[in-house]
């Protein structure tokens, strides 16, 4: 079964994947380093403004999913974090360097065109041209009998279609569809907060569904006891 991540969980995993390659001397990352990585304004869509406590809560969620490991170096009391998302002895997902680069940038920036992916993966992997990006995307659409990315419908007025990862399922695609391409005219504050608000709404909907199910079970139990 494909790993399912909330948008903020996806951001944290994306940061860990990125920093492992681009700044290996600073990896694993501390809570402060992760928070800075999540909130940086370059190579991030949407721009987030997460507190350390919010990041810690998400780290706890990822630890429960067995997607991260805590690491304490010799002579240091600072807890650092490394991913178990892919390419480790603990993970089922195994990516080539090019596949990893595309997945990483999608986790950090959402849906993108092949041309955008070629530009934004240049610190993570080498691609000779857009054709090589598209070939890698095709492999990710059927990697070991599992679809990891999907080609989205082309936006009105756009020449190329965007591709999105499927690690956040249908809810993640709903959130991603609300993120405009960087060329759109939209207020920056709205761009940076709307996906987070959508995630909270989706979380509340899930909680309501769970509570409704629990209430139905309680009613059924009461009926049984009343007989």
N, C-alpha and C. Protein backbone atom coordinates (compact mmCIF):
# COMPACT_ATOMS: atom_id res chain seq x y z
N UNK A 1 0.85 -1.20 0.00
CA UNK A 1 0.00 0.00 0.00
C UNK A 1 0.88 1.24 0.00
N UNK A 2 0.52 2.23 -0.83
CA UNK A 2 1.31 3.44 -0.97
C UNK A 2 1.26 4.27 0.31
N UNK A 3 2.42 4.79 0.71
CA UNK A 3 2.50 5.67 1.88
C UNK A 3 1.59 6.88 1.67
N UNK A 4 0.83 7.24 2.70
CA UNK A 4 -0.06 8.40 2.62
C UNK A 4 0.42 9.48 3.58
N UNK A 5 0.58 10.69 3.06
CA UNK A 5 1.11 11.81 3.83
C UNK A 5 0.17 13.00 3.74
N UNK A 6 0.06 13.75 4.84
CA UNK A 6 -0.61 15.04 4.78
C UNK A 6 0.33 16.02 4.08
N UNK A 7 -0.16 17.17 3.62
CA UNK A 7 0.73 18.13 2.97
C UNK A 7 1.92 18.55 3.83
N UNK A 8 1.71 18.70 5.15
CA UNK A 8 2.83 19.11 6.00
C UNK A 8 3.79 17.94 6.23
N UNK A 9 3.27 16.73 6.36
CA UNK A 9 4.15 15.57 6.44
C UNK A 9 4.98 15.45 5.16
N UNK A 10 4.35 15.69 4.02
CA UNK A 10 5.07 15.64 2.74
C UNK A 10 6.18 16.69 2.71
N UNK A 11 5.90 17.88 3.25
CA UNK A 11 6.92 18.94 3.29
C UNK A 11 8.12 18.49 4.13
N UNK A 12 7.88 17.91 5.29
CA UNK A 12 8.98 17.46 6.14
C UNK A 12 9.82 16.38 5.47
N UNK A 13 9.14 15.40 4.88
CA UNK A 13 9.88 14.34 4.19
C UNK A 13 10.68 14.93 3.03
N UNK A 14 10.07 15.86 2.29
CA UNK A 14 10.77 16.50 1.18
C UNK A 14 12.01 17.24 1.63
N UNK A 15 11.91 17.94 2.77
CA UNK A 15 13.07 18.66 3.30
C UNK A 15 14.19 17.69 3.68
N UNK A 16 13.83 16.59 4.34
CA UNK A 16 14.84 15.60 4.73
C UNK A 16 15.52 14.99 3.50
N UNK A 17 14.73 14.68 2.47
CA UNK A 17 15.30 14.14 1.23
C UNK A 17 16.24 15.15 0.57
N UNK A 18 15.80 16.40 0.53
CA UNK A 18 16.58 17.44 -0.13
C UNK A 18 17.91 17.68 0.59
N UNK A 19 17.84 17.89 1.90
CA UNK A 19 19.04 18.23 2.66
C UNK A 19 20.03 17.07 2.74
N UNK A 20 19.52 15.85 2.68
CA UNK A 20 20.42 14.69 2.67
C UNK A 20 21.36 14.74 1.47
N UNK A 21 20.86 15.29 0.35
CA UNK A 21 21.66 15.36 -0.88
C UNK A 21 22.44 16.66 -0.96
N UNK A 22 21.78 17.79 -0.68
CA UNK A 22 22.40 19.10 -0.93
C UNK A 22 23.31 19.57 0.20
N UNK A 23 23.02 19.18 1.44
CA UNK A 23 23.86 19.57 2.58
C UNK A 23 24.12 18.35 3.46
N UNK A 24 24.84 17.36 2.94
CA UNK A 24 25.04 16.12 3.70
C UNK A 24 25.77 16.31 5.03
N UNK A 25 26.60 17.37 5.14
CA UNK A 25 27.32 17.62 6.39
C UNK A 25 26.39 18.03 7.52
N UNK A 26 25.20 18.55 7.17
CA UNK A 26 24.24 18.99 8.18
C UNK A 26 23.13 17.97 8.43
N UNK A 27 23.22 16.83 7.77
CA UNK A 27 22.19 15.80 7.88
C UNK A 27 22.70 14.70 8.79
N UNK A 28 21.85 14.15 9.70
CA UNK A 28 20.43 14.42 9.96
C UNK A 28 20.18 15.85 10.45
N UNK A 29 18.90 16.26 10.44
CA UNK A 29 18.53 17.62 10.77
C UNK A 29 17.96 17.74 12.17
N UNK A 30 18.28 18.85 12.83
CA UNK A 30 17.67 19.16 14.12
C UNK A 30 16.27 19.70 13.91
N UNK A 31 15.53 19.85 14.99
CA UNK A 31 14.19 20.43 14.91
C UNK A 31 14.25 21.83 14.31
N UNK A 32 15.23 22.62 14.74
CA UNK A 32 15.38 23.97 14.21
C UNK A 32 15.72 23.94 12.73
N UNK A 33 16.62 23.06 12.34
CA UNK A 33 16.99 22.96 10.93
C UNK A 33 15.82 22.53 10.07
N UNK A 34 15.02 21.60 10.57
CA UNK A 34 13.83 21.15 9.83
C UNK A 34 12.82 22.27 9.69
N UNK A 35 12.62 23.03 10.77
CA UNK A 35 11.65 24.13 10.72
C UNK A 35 12.08 25.18 9.71
N UNK A 36 13.37 25.51 9.72
CA UNK A 36 13.88 26.48 8.74
C UNK A 36 13.72 25.94 7.32
N UNK A 37 13.99 24.65 7.14
CA UNK A 37 13.85 24.05 5.82
C UNK A 37 12.42 24.05 5.33
N UNK A 38 11.48 23.82 6.24
CA UNK A 38 10.06 23.83 5.87
C UNK A 38 9.59 25.22 5.48
N UNK A 39 10.12 26.24 6.17
CA UNK A 39 9.62 27.60 5.99
C UNK A 39 10.42 28.43 4.99
N UNK A 40 11.50 27.89 4.43
CA UNK A 40 12.30 28.70 3.51
C UNK A 40 11.46 29.10 2.30
N UNK A 41 11.78 30.26 1.76
CA UNK A 41 10.96 30.84 0.69
C UNK A 41 11.37 30.36 -0.69
N UNK A 42 12.60 29.87 -0.84
CA UNK A 42 13.04 29.38 -2.15
C UNK A 42 12.74 27.90 -2.28
N UNK A 43 12.31 27.51 -3.48
CA UNK A 43 12.03 26.10 -3.81
C UNK A 43 10.96 25.49 -2.91
N UNK A 44 9.97 26.29 -2.52
CA UNK A 44 8.86 25.80 -1.72
C UNK A 44 7.55 26.39 -2.24
N UNK A 45 6.58 25.56 -2.47
CA UNK A 45 5.23 26.00 -2.81
C UNK A 45 4.24 25.07 -2.14
N UNK A 46 3.36 25.61 -1.28
CA UNK A 46 3.27 27.01 -0.87
C UNK A 46 4.34 27.33 0.17
N UNK A 47 4.61 28.63 0.36
CA UNK A 47 5.47 29.05 1.46
C UNK A 47 4.71 28.84 2.76
N UNK A 48 5.35 28.21 3.72
CA UNK A 48 4.70 27.93 5.00
C UNK A 48 5.33 28.76 6.12
N UNK A 49 4.64 28.83 7.23
CA UNK A 49 5.14 29.53 8.41
C UNK A 49 4.84 28.66 9.63
N UNK A 50 5.54 27.55 9.72
CA UNK A 50 5.30 26.58 10.79
C UNK A 50 6.15 26.91 12.00
N UNK A 51 5.59 26.71 13.18
CA UNK A 51 6.35 26.86 14.42
C UNK A 51 7.09 25.56 14.72
N UNK A 52 8.06 25.62 15.63
CA UNK A 52 8.78 24.40 16.00
C UNK A 52 7.85 23.39 16.65
N UNK A 53 6.87 23.87 17.40
CA UNK A 53 5.93 22.94 18.05
C UNK A 53 5.08 22.23 17.00
N UNK A 54 4.68 22.94 15.94
CA UNK A 54 3.91 22.30 14.87
C UNK A 54 4.76 21.26 14.14
N UNK A 55 6.01 21.60 13.89
CA UNK A 55 6.91 20.65 13.23
C UNK A 55 7.14 19.44 14.11
N UNK A 56 7.29 19.66 15.43
CA UNK A 56 7.49 18.54 16.34
C UNK A 56 6.29 17.60 16.34
N UNK A 57 5.09 18.18 16.30
CA UNK A 57 3.88 17.35 16.26
C UNK A 57 3.87 16.46 15.01
N UNK A 58 4.27 17.04 13.89
CA UNK A 58 4.28 16.26 12.64
C UNK A 58 5.40 15.22 12.67
N UNK A 59 6.52 15.55 13.29
CA UNK A 59 7.59 14.57 13.46
C UNK A 59 7.11 13.37 14.27
N UNK A 60 6.32 13.65 15.30
CA UNK A 60 5.75 12.56 16.11
C UNK A 60 4.85 11.67 15.25
N UNK A 61 4.08 12.31 14.36
CA UNK A 61 3.21 11.54 13.46
C UNK A 61 4.03 10.66 12.53
N UNK A 62 5.10 11.23 11.99
CA UNK A 62 5.95 10.48 11.06
C UNK A 62 6.70 9.36 11.78
N UNK A 63 7.06 9.60 13.03
CA UNK A 63 7.71 8.54 13.81
C UNK A 63 6.74 7.38 14.03
N UNK A 64 5.47 7.72 14.32
CA UNK A 64 4.47 6.67 14.50
C UNK A 64 4.26 5.87 13.21
N UNK A 65 4.44 6.54 12.06
CA UNK A 65 4.33 5.86 10.77
C UNK A 65 5.61 5.11 10.40
N UNK A 66 6.63 5.24 11.28
CA UNK A 66 7.93 4.61 11.03
C UNK A 66 8.60 5.16 9.76
N UNK A 67 8.42 6.47 9.54
CA UNK A 67 9.00 7.11 8.36
C UNK A 67 10.21 7.97 8.71
N UNK A 68 10.50 8.14 10.00
CA UNK A 68 11.70 8.86 10.42
C UNK A 68 12.36 8.12 11.57
N UNK A 69 13.63 8.43 11.78
CA UNK A 69 14.38 7.92 12.92
C UNK A 69 14.99 9.08 13.67
N UNK A 70 15.01 8.99 15.00
CA UNK A 70 15.69 9.99 15.81
C UNK A 70 17.16 9.59 15.94
N UNK A 71 18.02 10.59 15.93
CA UNK A 71 19.46 10.33 15.96
C UNK A 71 20.11 11.32 16.92
N UNK A 72 20.90 10.80 17.84
CA UNK A 72 21.67 11.65 18.76
C UNK A 72 23.14 11.32 18.59
N UNK A 73 23.91 12.33 18.19
CA UNK A 73 25.32 12.10 17.95
C UNK A 73 26.11 11.96 19.24
N UNK A 74 27.31 11.42 19.14
CA UNK A 74 28.18 11.26 20.29
C UNK A 74 28.53 12.61 20.89
N UNK A 75 28.31 12.75 22.20
CA UNK A 75 28.63 14.00 22.88
C UNK A 75 27.65 15.12 22.64
N UNK A 76 26.52 14.83 22.03
CA UNK A 76 25.52 15.87 21.76
C UNK A 76 24.17 15.43 22.30
N UNK A 77 23.46 16.39 22.92
CA UNK A 77 22.13 16.09 23.44
C UNK A 77 21.04 16.55 22.48
N UNK A 78 21.45 17.15 21.36
CA UNK A 78 20.47 17.63 20.38
C UNK A 78 19.95 16.44 19.58
N UNK A 79 18.63 16.27 19.59
CA UNK A 79 18.02 15.19 18.82
C UNK A 79 17.93 15.63 17.35
N UNK A 80 18.35 14.75 16.46
CA UNK A 80 18.25 15.03 15.04
C UNK A 80 17.41 13.95 14.37
N UNK A 81 16.98 14.25 13.16
CA UNK A 81 16.02 13.36 12.49
C UNK A 81 16.50 13.01 11.08
N UNK A 82 16.30 11.74 10.73
CA UNK A 82 16.60 11.27 9.38
C UNK A 82 15.39 10.47 8.89
N UNK A 83 15.21 10.44 7.58
CA UNK A 83 14.03 9.78 7.02
C UNK A 83 14.26 8.29 6.84
N UNK A 84 13.14 7.57 6.81
CA UNK A 84 13.12 6.16 6.41
C UNK A 84 12.16 5.99 5.24
N UNK A 85 11.97 7.07 4.50
CA UNK A 85 10.97 7.10 3.44
C UNK A 85 11.36 6.20 2.27
N UNK A 86 12.62 6.23 1.88
CA UNK A 86 13.06 5.46 0.71
C UNK A 86 14.55 5.21 0.78
N UNK A 87 14.99 4.24 -0.02
CA UNK A 87 16.42 3.96 -0.20
C UNK A 87 17.16 3.67 1.11
N UNK A 88 16.47 3.08 2.08
CA UNK A 88 17.12 2.63 3.31
C UNK A 88 16.78 1.16 3.51
N UNK A 89 17.46 0.54 4.45
CA UNK A 89 17.19 -0.87 4.72
C UNK A 89 15.81 -1.08 5.33
N UNK A 90 15.21 0.02 5.84
CA UNK A 90 13.90 -0.08 6.48
C UNK A 90 12.74 0.24 5.54
N UNK A 91 13.05 0.71 4.33
CA UNK A 91 11.98 1.20 3.44
C UNK A 91 11.80 0.28 2.24
N UNK A 92 10.54 0.21 1.79
CA UNK A 92 10.24 -0.59 0.60
C UNK A 92 10.52 0.17 -0.69
N UNK A 93 10.43 1.49 -0.64
CA UNK A 93 10.64 2.30 -1.84
C UNK A 93 12.13 2.41 -2.16
N UNK A 94 12.47 2.09 -3.40
CA UNK A 94 13.85 2.21 -3.87
C UNK A 94 13.85 3.04 -5.15
N UNK A 95 14.52 4.19 -5.11
CA UNK A 95 14.53 5.10 -6.24
C UNK A 95 15.93 5.25 -6.81
N UNK A 96 15.99 5.49 -8.12
CA UNK A 96 17.23 5.96 -8.71
C UNK A 96 17.42 7.42 -8.30
N UNK A 97 18.61 7.96 -8.55
CA UNK A 97 18.87 9.35 -8.18
C UNK A 97 17.91 10.29 -8.91
N UNK A 98 17.63 10.02 -10.17
CA UNK A 98 16.72 10.87 -10.93
C UNK A 98 15.29 10.75 -10.41
N UNK A 99 14.85 9.54 -10.13
CA UNK A 99 13.50 9.35 -9.59
C UNK A 99 13.35 10.05 -8.25
N UNK A 100 14.36 9.92 -7.40
CA UNK A 100 14.33 10.55 -6.09
C UNK A 100 14.26 12.07 -6.22
N UNK A 101 15.01 12.63 -7.16
CA UNK A 101 15.00 14.08 -7.35
C UNK A 101 13.61 14.59 -7.70
N UNK A 102 12.93 13.89 -8.60
CA UNK A 102 11.59 14.31 -9.00
C UNK A 102 10.60 14.19 -7.85
N UNK A 103 10.63 13.06 -7.13
CA UNK A 103 9.72 12.88 -6.00
C UNK A 103 9.98 13.95 -4.94
N UNK A 104 11.24 14.21 -4.65
CA UNK A 104 11.60 15.21 -3.65
C UNK A 104 11.04 16.58 -3.99
N UNK A 105 11.25 17.02 -5.23
CA UNK A 105 10.79 18.36 -5.63
C UNK A 105 9.26 18.42 -5.67
N UNK A 106 8.61 17.32 -6.02
CA UNK A 106 7.14 17.29 -5.98
C UNK A 106 6.63 17.41 -4.55
N UNK A 107 7.30 16.74 -3.60
CA UNK A 107 6.90 16.85 -2.20
C UNK A 107 7.07 18.28 -1.69
N UNK A 108 8.06 18.99 -2.22
CA UNK A 108 8.34 20.35 -1.77
C UNK A 108 7.53 21.41 -2.49
N UNK A 109 7.15 21.16 -3.74
CA UNK A 109 6.54 22.21 -4.55
C UNK A 109 5.23 21.81 -5.21
N UNK A 110 4.76 20.61 -4.96
CA UNK A 110 3.49 20.21 -5.55
C UNK A 110 3.59 19.92 -7.03
N UNK A 111 2.45 20.00 -7.74
CA UNK A 111 2.42 19.67 -9.17
C UNK A 111 3.30 20.61 -10.01
N UNK A 112 4.00 20.04 -10.99
CA UNK A 112 4.89 20.82 -11.84
C UNK A 112 4.96 20.21 -13.23
N UNK A 113 5.32 21.04 -14.19
CA UNK A 113 5.50 20.56 -15.56
C UNK A 113 6.89 19.92 -15.69
N UNK A 114 7.10 19.11 -16.72
CA UNK A 114 8.44 18.54 -16.93
C UNK A 114 9.53 19.60 -17.03
N UNK A 115 9.23 20.72 -17.69
CA UNK A 115 10.21 21.78 -17.80
C UNK A 115 10.57 22.37 -16.45
N UNK A 116 9.57 22.59 -15.60
CA UNK A 116 9.83 23.11 -14.26
C UNK A 116 10.64 22.11 -13.44
N UNK A 117 10.31 20.84 -13.58
CA UNK A 117 11.03 19.81 -12.84
C UNK A 117 12.50 19.75 -13.25
N UNK A 118 12.78 19.93 -14.54
CA UNK A 118 14.17 19.89 -14.99
C UNK A 118 14.97 21.03 -14.34
N UNK A 119 14.37 22.21 -14.29
CA UNK A 119 15.06 23.36 -13.70
C UNK A 119 15.26 23.19 -12.19
N UNK A 120 14.26 22.66 -11.52
CA UNK A 120 14.26 22.64 -10.06
C UNK A 120 14.96 21.43 -9.45
N UNK A 121 15.32 20.47 -10.27
CA UNK A 121 16.03 19.29 -9.76
C UNK A 121 17.53 19.37 -10.00
N UNK A 122 18.02 20.52 -10.47
CA UNK A 122 19.42 20.57 -10.91
C UNK A 122 20.43 20.36 -9.79
N UNK A 123 20.05 20.57 -8.53
CA UNK A 123 20.97 20.32 -7.41
C UNK A 123 20.87 18.89 -6.90
N UNK A 124 19.89 18.16 -7.38
CA UNK A 124 19.64 16.82 -6.87
C UNK A 124 20.05 15.71 -7.83
N UNK A 125 19.94 15.99 -9.13
CA UNK A 125 20.27 14.97 -10.13
C UNK A 125 20.50 15.65 -11.47
N UNK A 126 21.14 14.94 -12.38
CA UNK A 126 21.41 15.46 -13.72
C UNK A 126 20.42 14.88 -14.73
N UNK A 127 19.80 15.78 -15.47
CA UNK A 127 18.93 15.39 -16.59
C UNK A 127 19.44 16.10 -17.83
N UNK A 128 19.63 15.36 -18.90
CA UNK A 128 20.16 15.97 -20.12
C UNK A 128 19.15 16.90 -20.78
N UNK A 129 17.88 16.55 -20.70
CA UNK A 129 16.85 17.34 -21.35
C UNK A 129 15.48 17.00 -20.76
N UNK A 130 14.46 17.67 -21.26
CA UNK A 130 13.10 17.44 -20.77
C UNK A 130 12.62 16.03 -21.11
N UNK A 131 13.10 15.51 -22.24
CA UNK A 131 12.71 14.14 -22.61
C UNK A 131 13.11 13.14 -21.53
N UNK A 132 14.27 13.36 -20.92
CA UNK A 132 14.73 12.45 -19.86
C UNK A 132 13.85 12.59 -18.61
N UNK A 133 13.40 13.81 -18.35
CA UNK A 133 12.44 14.03 -17.25
C UNK A 133 11.16 13.26 -17.52
N UNK A 134 10.64 13.39 -18.74
CA UNK A 134 9.38 12.71 -19.08
C UNK A 134 9.52 11.20 -19.02
N UNK A 135 10.67 10.69 -19.43
CA UNK A 135 10.90 9.24 -19.35
C UNK A 135 10.91 8.77 -17.90
N UNK A 136 11.49 9.57 -17.02
CA UNK A 136 11.51 9.22 -15.60
C UNK A 136 10.11 9.30 -15.01
N UNK A 137 9.34 10.30 -15.41
CA UNK A 137 7.95 10.41 -14.96
C UNK A 137 7.14 9.20 -15.40
N UNK A 138 7.37 8.75 -16.62
CA UNK A 138 6.65 7.56 -17.11
C UNK A 138 6.97 6.34 -16.25
N UNK A 139 8.23 6.20 -15.85
CA UNK A 139 8.60 5.07 -14.99
C UNK A 139 7.91 5.18 -13.62
N UNK A 140 7.81 6.40 -13.11
CA UNK A 140 7.19 6.60 -11.80
C UNK A 140 5.68 6.38 -11.84
N UNK A 141 5.10 6.39 -13.04
CA UNK A 141 3.68 6.09 -13.15
C UNK A 141 3.41 4.58 -13.09
N UNK A 142 4.46 3.79 -13.17
CA UNK A 142 4.32 2.34 -13.03
C UNK A 142 5.64 1.77 -12.56
N UNK A 143 5.95 2.02 -11.28
CA UNK A 143 7.20 1.56 -10.69
C UNK A 143 6.92 0.35 -9.81
N UNK A 144 7.39 -0.80 -10.23
CA UNK A 144 7.13 -2.04 -9.49
C UNK A 144 5.63 -2.24 -9.28
N UNK A 145 4.87 -2.02 -10.36
CA UNK A 145 3.41 -2.21 -10.36
C UNK A 145 2.69 -1.24 -9.43
N UNK A 146 3.30 -0.09 -9.16
CA UNK A 146 2.66 0.90 -8.31
C UNK A 146 2.76 2.28 -8.96
N UNK A 147 1.65 3.02 -8.97
CA UNK A 147 1.64 4.36 -9.55
C UNK A 147 1.98 5.37 -8.47
N UNK A 148 3.07 6.11 -8.68
CA UNK A 148 3.54 7.08 -7.70
C UNK A 148 3.27 8.52 -8.12
N UNK A 149 3.10 8.76 -9.41
CA UNK A 149 2.78 10.10 -9.90
C UNK A 149 1.64 10.01 -10.90
N UNK A 150 0.99 11.15 -11.12
CA UNK A 150 -0.13 11.19 -12.05
C UNK A 150 -0.01 12.45 -12.90
N UNK A 151 -0.41 12.34 -14.16
CA UNK A 151 -0.43 13.49 -15.06
C UNK A 151 -1.78 14.17 -14.92
N UNK A 152 -1.75 15.46 -14.57
CA UNK A 152 -2.98 16.22 -14.36
C UNK A 152 -3.50 16.79 -15.67
N UNK A 153 -4.77 17.14 -15.68
CA UNK A 153 -5.34 17.81 -16.85
C UNK A 153 -4.63 19.14 -17.07
N UNK A 154 -4.43 19.47 -18.32
CA UNK A 154 -3.75 20.72 -18.64
C UNK A 154 -4.60 21.92 -18.23
N UNK A 155 -3.98 22.88 -17.56
CA UNK A 155 -4.69 24.08 -17.11
C UNK A 155 -5.03 24.97 -18.31
N UNK A 156 -6.15 25.69 -18.23
CA UNK A 156 -6.51 26.60 -19.32
C UNK A 156 -5.40 27.63 -19.57
N UNK A 157 -5.04 27.81 -20.82
CA UNK A 157 -4.03 28.78 -21.17
C UNK A 157 -2.60 28.31 -21.00
N UNK A 158 -2.42 27.08 -20.54
CA UNK A 158 -1.08 26.54 -20.34
C UNK A 158 -0.73 25.56 -21.45
N UNK A 159 0.55 25.50 -21.81
CA UNK A 159 0.98 24.63 -22.90
C UNK A 159 1.22 23.20 -22.43
N UNK A 160 1.78 23.06 -21.23
CA UNK A 160 2.17 21.73 -20.74
C UNK A 160 1.34 21.30 -19.54
N UNK A 161 1.14 20.02 -19.42
CA UNK A 161 0.44 19.46 -18.25
C UNK A 161 1.40 19.34 -17.08
N UNK A 162 0.84 19.42 -15.88
CA UNK A 162 1.64 19.21 -14.67
C UNK A 162 1.52 17.76 -14.20
N UNK A 163 2.50 17.35 -13.44
CA UNK A 163 2.50 16.03 -12.81
C UNK A 163 2.50 16.21 -11.30
N UNK A 164 1.80 15.31 -10.60
CA UNK A 164 1.73 15.38 -9.14
C UNK A 164 2.03 14.02 -8.54
N UNK A 165 2.60 14.02 -7.33
CA UNK A 165 2.82 12.75 -6.63
C UNK A 165 1.52 12.26 -6.01
N UNK A 166 1.46 10.98 -5.71
CA UNK A 166 0.25 10.37 -5.16
C UNK A 166 0.42 9.93 -3.71
N UNK A 167 1.42 10.46 -3.04
CA UNK A 167 1.66 10.07 -1.65
C UNK A 167 0.68 10.75 -0.68
N UNK A 168 -0.14 11.65 -1.19
CA UNK A 168 -1.18 12.25 -0.35
C UNK A 168 -2.57 11.86 -0.82
N UNK A 169 -2.67 10.92 -1.75
CA UNK A 169 -3.96 10.40 -2.18
C UNK A 169 -4.84 11.46 -2.82
N UNK A 170 -6.14 11.19 -2.86
CA UNK A 170 -7.09 12.10 -3.50
C UNK A 170 -7.19 13.42 -2.74
N UNK A 171 -7.11 13.37 -1.41
CA UNK A 171 -7.16 14.61 -0.64
C UNK A 171 -5.97 15.49 -0.98
N UNK A 172 -4.80 14.87 -1.13
CA UNK A 172 -3.63 15.64 -1.49
C UNK A 172 -3.75 16.28 -2.86
N UNK A 173 -4.36 15.56 -3.81
CA UNK A 173 -4.57 16.14 -5.13
C UNK A 173 -5.54 17.31 -5.06
N UNK A 174 -6.54 17.21 -4.17
CA UNK A 174 -7.48 18.32 -4.00
C UNK A 174 -6.75 19.55 -3.50
N UNK A 175 -5.89 19.37 -2.50
CA UNK A 175 -5.12 20.49 -1.99
C UNK A 175 -4.19 21.03 -3.07
N UNK A 176 -3.51 20.12 -3.77
CA UNK A 176 -2.56 20.54 -4.81
C UNK A 176 -3.24 21.32 -5.91
N UNK A 177 -4.47 20.97 -6.23
CA UNK A 177 -5.18 21.65 -7.31
C UNK A 177 -5.50 23.10 -6.94
N UNK A 178 -5.43 23.42 -5.65
CA UNK A 178 -5.70 24.79 -5.21
C UNK A 178 -4.44 25.66 -5.25
N UNK A 179 -3.29 25.02 -5.49
CA UNK A 179 -2.04 25.78 -5.54
C UNK A 179 -1.81 26.25 -6.96
N UNK A 180 -1.80 27.58 -7.19
CA UNK A 180 -1.63 28.07 -8.55
C UNK A 180 -0.20 27.90 -9.02
N UNK A 181 -0.02 27.87 -10.34
CA UNK A 181 1.33 27.89 -10.88
C UNK A 181 1.94 29.25 -10.58
N UNK A 182 3.28 29.30 -10.56
CA UNK A 182 3.96 30.51 -10.12
C UNK A 182 3.69 31.69 -11.03
N UNK A 183 3.19 31.45 -12.22
CA UNK A 183 2.93 32.55 -13.14
C UNK A 183 1.60 33.23 -12.90
N UNK A 184 0.73 32.68 -12.07
CA UNK A 184 -0.58 33.27 -11.84
C UNK A 184 -0.47 34.50 -10.98
N UNK A 185 -1.38 35.46 -11.20
CA UNK A 185 -1.45 36.64 -10.37
C UNK A 185 -2.33 36.34 -9.19
N UNK A 186 -1.71 36.20 -8.01
CA UNK A 186 -2.48 35.90 -6.81
C UNK A 186 -1.75 36.47 -5.62
N UNK A 187 -2.49 36.91 -4.65
CA UNK A 187 -1.91 37.47 -3.44
C UNK A 187 -1.02 36.43 -2.76
N UNK A 188 0.22 36.83 -2.38
CA UNK A 188 1.18 35.88 -1.80
C UNK A 188 0.67 35.29 -0.50
N UNK A 189 0.00 36.10 0.32
CA UNK A 189 -0.49 35.59 1.60
C UNK A 189 -1.53 34.51 1.38
N UNK A 190 -2.44 34.73 0.40
CA UNK A 190 -3.45 33.72 0.11
C UNK A 190 -2.80 32.45 -0.40
N UNK A 191 -1.76 32.61 -1.25
CA UNK A 191 -1.07 31.44 -1.80
C UNK A 191 -0.42 30.61 -0.71
N UNK A 192 0.09 31.29 0.35
CA UNK A 192 0.84 30.56 1.36
C UNK A 192 -0.04 29.94 2.42
N UNK A 193 -1.28 30.42 2.57
CA UNK A 193 -2.10 29.90 3.67
C UNK A 193 -3.23 29.00 3.21
N UNK A 194 -3.71 29.15 2.01
CA UNK A 194 -4.87 28.37 1.58
C UNK A 194 -4.67 26.86 1.70
N UNK A 195 -3.55 26.28 1.25
CA UNK A 195 -3.38 24.84 1.38
C UNK A 195 -3.39 24.36 2.82
N UNK A 196 -2.82 25.16 3.75
CA UNK A 196 -2.84 24.77 5.16
C UNK A 196 -4.25 24.77 5.69
N UNK A 197 -5.03 25.79 5.30
CA UNK A 197 -6.42 25.84 5.74
C UNK A 197 -7.20 24.66 5.18
N UNK A 198 -6.94 24.32 3.93
CA UNK A 198 -7.61 23.17 3.33
C UNK A 198 -7.25 21.88 4.05
N UNK A 199 -5.98 21.77 4.43
CA UNK A 199 -5.57 20.55 5.14
C UNK A 199 -6.31 20.43 6.47
N UNK A 200 -6.45 21.57 7.18
CA UNK A 200 -7.16 21.53 8.46
C UNK A 200 -8.62 21.14 8.27
N UNK A 201 -9.24 21.64 7.19
CA UNK A 201 -10.62 21.28 6.90
C UNK A 201 -10.73 19.79 6.63
N UNK A 202 -9.81 19.27 5.82
CA UNK A 202 -9.83 17.84 5.50
C UNK A 202 -9.61 16.99 6.75
N UNK A 203 -8.73 17.47 7.64
CA UNK A 203 -8.49 16.74 8.89
C UNK A 203 -9.74 16.73 9.75
N UNK A 204 -10.42 17.88 9.84
CA UNK A 204 -11.66 17.96 10.62
C UNK A 204 -12.73 17.04 10.03
N UNK A 205 -12.81 17.00 8.70
CA UNK A 205 -13.79 16.12 8.07
C UNK A 205 -13.51 14.66 8.42
N UNK A 206 -12.23 14.30 8.43
CA UNK A 206 -11.86 12.92 8.77
C UNK A 206 -12.22 12.62 10.22
N UNK A 207 -11.97 13.59 11.12
CA UNK A 207 -12.30 13.39 12.53
C UNK A 207 -13.80 13.26 12.73
N UNK A 208 -14.58 14.06 12.01
CA UNK A 208 -16.04 13.97 12.10
C UNK A 208 -16.51 12.60 11.63
N UNK A 209 -15.91 12.12 10.54
CA UNK A 209 -16.29 10.79 10.03
C UNK A 209 -15.98 9.70 11.05
N UNK A 210 -14.81 9.82 11.70
CA UNK A 210 -14.44 8.83 12.72
C UNK A 210 -15.39 8.88 13.90
N UNK A 211 -15.73 10.09 14.36
CA UNK A 211 -16.65 10.24 15.49
C UNK A 211 -18.04 9.72 15.14
N UNK A 212 -18.46 9.96 13.90
CA UNK A 212 -19.77 9.46 13.46
C UNK A 212 -19.79 7.94 13.51
N UNK A 213 -18.68 7.32 13.07
CA UNK A 213 -18.60 5.86 13.12
C UNK A 213 -18.61 5.34 14.54
N UNK A 214 -17.91 6.03 15.44
CA UNK A 214 -17.89 5.62 16.84
C UNK A 214 -19.27 5.76 17.47
N UNK A 215 -19.98 6.83 17.12
CA UNK A 215 -21.33 7.04 17.64
C UNK A 215 -22.26 5.94 17.17
N UNK A 216 -22.13 5.54 15.91
CA UNK A 216 -22.97 4.46 15.39
C UNK A 216 -22.69 3.15 16.13
N UNK A 217 -21.41 2.91 16.44
CA UNK A 217 -21.06 1.70 17.19
C UNK A 217 -21.65 1.74 18.59
N UNK A 218 -21.62 2.92 19.24
CA UNK A 218 -22.20 3.05 20.58
C UNK A 218 -23.70 2.83 20.57
N UNK A 219 -24.37 3.37 19.55
CA UNK A 219 -25.82 3.18 19.44
C UNK A 219 -26.15 1.70 19.27
N UNK A 220 -25.33 1.02 18.45
CA UNK A 220 -25.55 -0.40 18.23
C UNK A 220 -25.36 -1.18 19.54
N UNK A 221 -24.35 -0.79 20.32
CA UNK A 221 -24.09 -1.45 21.60
C UNK A 221 -25.24 -1.22 22.57
N UNK A 222 -25.76 0.02 22.61
CA UNK A 222 -26.89 0.34 23.49
C UNK A 222 -28.11 -0.49 23.10
N UNK A 223 -28.34 -0.63 21.80
CA UNK A 223 -29.48 -1.43 21.35
C UNK A 223 -29.34 -2.88 21.79
N UNK A 224 -28.11 -3.41 21.71
CA UNK A 224 -27.88 -4.80 22.12
C UNK A 224 -28.11 -4.97 23.61
N UNK A 225 -27.63 -4.01 24.41
CA UNK A 225 -27.79 -4.09 25.86
C UNK A 225 -29.24 -3.90 26.28
N UNK A 226 -30.02 -3.19 25.46
CA UNK A 226 -31.42 -2.93 25.80
C UNK A 226 -32.31 -4.11 25.52
N UNK A 227 -31.83 -5.05 24.71
CA UNK A 227 -32.66 -6.20 24.34
C UNK A 227 -32.83 -7.16 25.52
